[in-house]
Each structure stands twice: as C-alpha cells, then as structure tokens.
C-alpha cells in the first residue's frame, strides 16, 4: 500500500512497482468456439490460451473463484478456476497445465481453420 506524506502543500508518495505480467507462461491469441459445462452447456469463445490458462469471452457472467469445466478443440475437457471476471470476459487457470505440444497443435490447426473435427463424411 502506498504511503503518503504531507509536506506543506506538497505530497510525497512511495509506490512499489506492480508486476507488469504475472503470468507464468506466454499466451497466444486465438479465436475458437468452446463449451462451458455447468448445469447446461454454454458456448463461449477462447480469446487466448497458454499452458497454464485461458481467457474466455462468454455469453453469461462467470464468478471469480468458480470451478469450471471447459471443452476446447484438440485439448478436450479440462478443469479450470476463474481468476478474474469482467462482464463477459474471464481469465481462468487450468487445474493441470496443458502440454506445450498440444497447445501448438491447437494453434496450428486453428490458423488453418480446422481445430474442430469435421462432421462431413469422408473426413
């Protein structure tokens, strides 16, 4: 907490620098559909992802501290905890880190538009 000192119409403050990036792993931007599990399935968008967490854009607000299950293309169903939430955006930390090679596969397929398995016959 900053300390303020009053000196005849002048203020002095000592501030501790805030960590610019507290994430343990770099996140990659992506735009994917995913599903949140709860009492019913809810579609959401993955805005970015790393081995340790994910940023979601949702159609219903999530609560900080909530434990969620999310189904992500390539990765499958994973557990996460909501660390921050702002209207319809949320940052979540995975219960178990996702392997880096799986993230790379997801990102490469998302870039080609084939992150979701095709439902067409013959594929």
C-alpha atoms as a PDB file:
ATOM      1  CA  UNK A   1       0.000   0.000   0.000  1.00  0.00           C
ATOM      2  CA  UNK A   2       1.440   3.416  -0.888  1.00  0.00           C
ATOM      3  CA  UNK A   3       2.440   5.732   1.929  1.00  0.00           C
ATOM      4  CA  UNK A   4       1.531   9.385   1.575  1.00  0.00           C
ATOM      5  CA  UNK A   5       3.325  12.111   3.470  1.00  0.00           C
ATOM      6  CA  UNK A   6       2.139  15.719   3.618  1.00  0.00           C
ATOM      7  CA  UNK A   7       4.804  18.433   3.382  1.00  0.00           C
ATOM      8  CA  UNK A   8       3.355  21.965   3.431  1.00  0.00           C
ATOM      9  CA  UNK A   9       1.088  21.747   0.396  1.00  0.00           C
ATOM     10  CA  UNK A  10       3.214  19.059  -1.294  1.00  0.00           C
ATOM     11  CA  UNK A  11       2.638  15.348  -1.402  1.00  0.00           C
ATOM     12  CA  UNK A  12       5.183  12.602  -1.452  1.00  0.00           C
ATOM     13  CA  UNK A  13       4.363   9.011  -2.255  1.00  0.00           C
ATOM     14  CA  UNK A  14       6.299   5.791  -2.262  1.00  0.00           C
ATOM     15  CA  UNK A  15       4.962   3.153  -4.601  1.00  0.00           C
ATOM     16  CA  UNK A  16       6.047  -0.407  -5.113  1.00  0.00           C
ATOM     17  CA  UNK A  17       6.227  -1.254  -8.809  1.00  0.00           C
ATOM     18  CA  UNK A  18       3.436  -3.507  -9.984  1.00  0.00           C
ATOM     19  CA  UNK A  19       4.496  -6.622 -11.816  1.00  0.00           C
ATOM     20  CA  UNK A  20       3.777  -5.951 -15.475  1.00  0.00           C
ATOM     21  CA  UNK A  21       2.998  -9.578 -16.281  1.00  0.00           C
ATOM     22  CA  UNK A  22       2.248 -12.090 -13.552  1.00  0.00           C
ATOM     23  CA  UNK A  23       1.572 -14.936 -15.968  1.00  0.00           C
ATOM     24  CA  UNK A  24       3.804 -17.964 -15.756  1.00  0.00           C
ATOM     25  CA  UNK A  25       3.579 -18.674 -19.486  1.00  0.00           C
ATOM     26  CA  UNK A  26       3.098 -16.552 -22.599  1.00  0.00           C
ATOM     27  CA  UNK A  27      -0.401 -16.580 -24.036  1.00  0.00           C
ATOM     28  CA  UNK A  28      -1.243 -16.893 -27.705  1.00  0.00           C
ATOM     29  CA  UNK A  29      -4.185 -15.096 -29.269  1.00  0.00           C
ATOM     30  CA  UNK A  30      -6.741 -17.341 -30.878  1.00  0.00           C
ATOM     31  CA  UNK A  31     -10.435 -17.230 -31.768  1.00  0.00           C
ATOM     32  CA  UNK A  32     -12.118 -20.574 -31.121  1.00  0.00           C
ATOM     33  CA  UNK A  33     -15.503 -21.779 -30.010  1.00  0.00           C
ATOM     34  CA  UNK A  34     -15.542 -23.850 -26.828  1.00  0.00           C
ATOM     35  CA  UNK A  35     -18.146 -25.159 -24.389  1.00  0.00           C
ATOM     36  CA  UNK A  36     -18.523 -24.469 -20.687  1.00  0.00           C
ATOM     37  CA  UNK A  37     -20.040 -27.266 -18.620  1.00  0.00           C
ATOM     38  CA  UNK A  38     -22.313 -26.500 -15.749  1.00  0.00           C
ATOM     39  CA  UNK A  39     -25.948 -27.171 -15.253  1.00  0.00           C
ATOM     40  CA  UNK A  40     -26.153 -26.854 -19.038  1.00  0.00           C
ATOM     41  CA  UNK A  41     -23.631 -26.415 -21.834  1.00  0.00           C
ATOM     42  CA  UNK A  42     -22.830 -22.829 -22.789  1.00  0.00           C
ATOM     43  CA  UNK A  43     -20.957 -21.740 -25.881  1.00  0.00           C
ATOM     44  CA  UNK A  44     -18.051 -19.361 -25.353  1.00  0.00           C
ATOM     45  CA  UNK A  45     -15.042 -18.032 -27.278  1.00  0.00           C
ATOM     46  CA  UNK A  46     -11.410 -18.673 -26.439  1.00  0.00           C
ATOM     47  CA  UNK A  47      -9.577 -15.342 -26.839  1.00  0.00           C
ATOM     48  CA  UNK A  48      -6.121 -16.551 -25.786  1.00  0.00           C
ATOM     49  CA  UNK A  49      -4.524 -19.629 -24.326  1.00  0.00           C
ATOM     50  CA  UNK A  50      -1.315 -20.837 -22.685  1.00  0.00           C
ATOM     51  CA  UNK A  51      -0.168 -23.997 -20.985  1.00  0.00           C
ATOM     52  CA  UNK A  52      -1.458 -22.597 -17.678  1.00  0.00           C
ATOM     53  CA  UNK A  53      -4.650 -20.775 -18.518  1.00  0.00           C
ATOM     54  CA  UNK A  54      -7.163 -19.299 -20.863  1.00  0.00           C
ATOM     55  CA  UNK A  55      -9.106 -16.098 -21.495  1.00  0.00           C
ATOM     56  CA  UNK A  56     -12.749 -16.599 -22.345  1.00  0.00           C
ATOM     57  CA  UNK A  57     -15.465 -14.425 -23.815  1.00  0.00           C
ATOM     58  CA  UNK A  58     -18.760 -15.720 -22.511  1.00  0.00           C
ATOM     59  CA  UNK A  59     -22.446 -15.017 -23.023  1.00  0.00           C
ATOM     60  CA  UNK A  60     -23.114 -15.217 -19.285  1.00  0.00           C
ATOM     61  CA  UNK A  61     -21.026 -13.792 -16.466  1.00  0.00           C
ATOM     62  CA  UNK A  62     -18.679 -16.070 -14.511  1.00  0.00           C
ATOM     63  CA  UNK A  63     -17.836 -15.596 -10.845  1.00  0.00           C
ATOM     64  CA  UNK A  64     -14.289 -15.267  -9.524  1.00  0.00           C
ATOM     65  CA  UNK A  65     -13.300 -18.452  -7.713  1.00  0.00           C
ATOM     66  CA  UNK A  66     -15.757 -20.640  -9.622  1.00  0.00           C
ATOM     67  CA  UNK A  67     -14.508 -24.067 -10.715  1.00  0.00           C
ATOM     68  CA  UNK A  68     -15.480 -24.719 -14.324  1.00  0.00           C
ATOM     69  CA  UNK A  69     -15.113 -27.445 -16.919  1.00  0.00           C
ATOM     70  CA  UNK A  70     -14.397 -26.312 -20.447  1.00  0.00           C
ATOM     71  CA  UNK A  71     -14.250 -28.368 -23.631  1.00  0.00           C
ATOM     72  CA  UNK A  72     -11.633 -26.992 -26.018  1.00  0.00           C
ATOM     73  CA  UNK A  73     -10.988 -28.334 -29.528  1.00  0.00           C
ATOM     74  CA  UNK A  74      -7.960 -30.680 -29.746  1.00  0.00           C
ATOM     75  CA  UNK A  75      -7.444 -30.457 -25.960  1.00  0.00           C
ATOM     76  CA  UNK A  76     -10.770 -31.864 -24.788  1.00  0.00           C
ATOM     77  CA  UNK A  77     -12.482 -31.313 -21.439  1.00  0.00           C
ATOM     78  CA  UNK A  78     -10.348 -29.612 -18.758  1.00  0.00           C
ATOM     79  CA  UNK A  79     -10.939 -28.156 -15.306  1.00  0.00           C
ATOM     80  CA  UNK A  80     -10.121 -24.529 -14.503  1.00  0.00           C
ATOM     81  CA  UNK A  81     -10.678 -21.871 -11.842  1.00  0.00           C
ATOM     82  CA  UNK A  82     -11.933 -18.389 -12.708  1.00  0.00           C
ATOM     83  CA  UNK A  83      -9.214 -15.986 -11.521  1.00  0.00           C
ATOM     84  CA  UNK A  84     -10.779 -12.744 -12.754  1.00  0.00           C
ATOM     85  CA  UNK A  85     -14.031 -11.812 -14.439  1.00  0.00           C
ATOM     86  CA  UNK A  86     -15.223  -8.593 -16.054  1.00  0.00           C
ATOM     87  CA  UNK A  87     -18.727  -8.576 -17.536  1.00  0.00           C
ATOM     88  CA  UNK A  88     -18.482 -11.287 -20.184  1.00  0.00           C
ATOM     89  CA  UNK A  89     -14.716 -11.881 -20.134  1.00  0.00           C
ATOM     90  CA  UNK A  90     -12.873 -14.171 -17.747  1.00  0.00           C
ATOM     91  CA  UNK A  91      -9.327 -15.306 -17.095  1.00  0.00           C
ATOM     92  CA  UNK A  92      -9.055 -18.902 -15.929  1.00  0.00           C
ATOM     93  CA  UNK A  93      -6.209 -21.033 -14.603  1.00  0.00           C
ATOM     94  CA  UNK A  94      -6.144 -24.694 -15.615  1.00  0.00           C
ATOM     95  CA  UNK A  95      -6.133 -27.219 -12.751  1.00  0.00           C
ATOM     96  CA  UNK A  96      -3.351 -29.062 -14.618  1.00  0.00           C
ATOM     97  CA  UNK A  97      -1.093 -27.413 -17.224  1.00  0.00           C
ATOM     98  CA  UNK A  98      -1.707 -28.322 -20.851  1.00  0.00           C
ATOM     99  CA  UNK A  99       1.292 -29.782 -22.669  1.00  0.00           C
ATOM    100  CA  UNK A 100       3.030 -27.233 -24.925  1.00  0.00           C
ATOM    101  CA  UNK A 101       2.917 -29.553 -27.959  1.00  0.00           C
ATOM    102  CA  UNK A 102      -0.880 -29.854 -27.598  1.00  0.00           C
ATOM    103  CA  UNK A 103      -1.200 -26.042 -27.492  1.00  0.00           C
ATOM    104  CA  UNK A 104       0.997 -25.787 -30.608  1.00  0.00           C
ATOM    105  CA  UNK A 105      -1.195 -28.328 -32.429  1.00  0.00           C
ATOM    106  CA  UNK A 106      -4.316 -26.390 -31.441  1.00  0.00           C
ATOM    107  CA  UNK A 107      -2.832 -23.096 -32.641  1.00  0.00           C
ATOM    108  CA  UNK A 108      -1.612 -24.514 -35.944  1.00  0.00           C
ATOM    109  CA  UNK A 109      -4.983 -26.113 -36.700  1.00  0.00           C
ATOM    110  CA  UNK A 110      -6.891 -23.009 -35.610  1.00  0.00           C
ATOM    111  CA  UNK A 111      -4.784 -20.982 -38.054  1.00  0.00           C
ATOM    112  CA  UNK A 112      -5.883 -23.319 -40.844  1.00  0.00           C
ATOM    113  CA  UNK A 113      -9.493 -23.278 -39.658  1.00  0.00           C
ATOM    114  CA  UNK A 114      -9.623 -26.996 -38.775  1.00  0.00           C
ATOM    115  CA  UNK A 115      -9.376 -27.028 -34.980  1.00  0.00           C
ATOM    116  CA  UNK A 116     -12.768 -28.725 -34.763  1.00  0.00           C
ATOM    117  CA  UNK A 117     -13.106 -32.208 -36.270  1.00  0.00           C
ATOM    118  CA  UNK A 118     -15.125 -32.128 -39.466  1.00  0.00           C
ATOM    119  CA  UNK A 119     -18.626 -33.572 -39.304  1.00  0.00           C
ATOM    120  CA  UNK A 120     -18.667 -34.153 -43.059  1.00  0.00           C
ATOM    121  CA  UNK A 121     -18.449 -37.733 -44.238  1.00  0.00           C
ATOM    122  CA  UNK A 122     -15.126 -38.871 -45.598  1.00  0.00           C
ATOM    123  CA  UNK A 123     -13.096 -36.802 -43.121  1.00  0.00           C
END
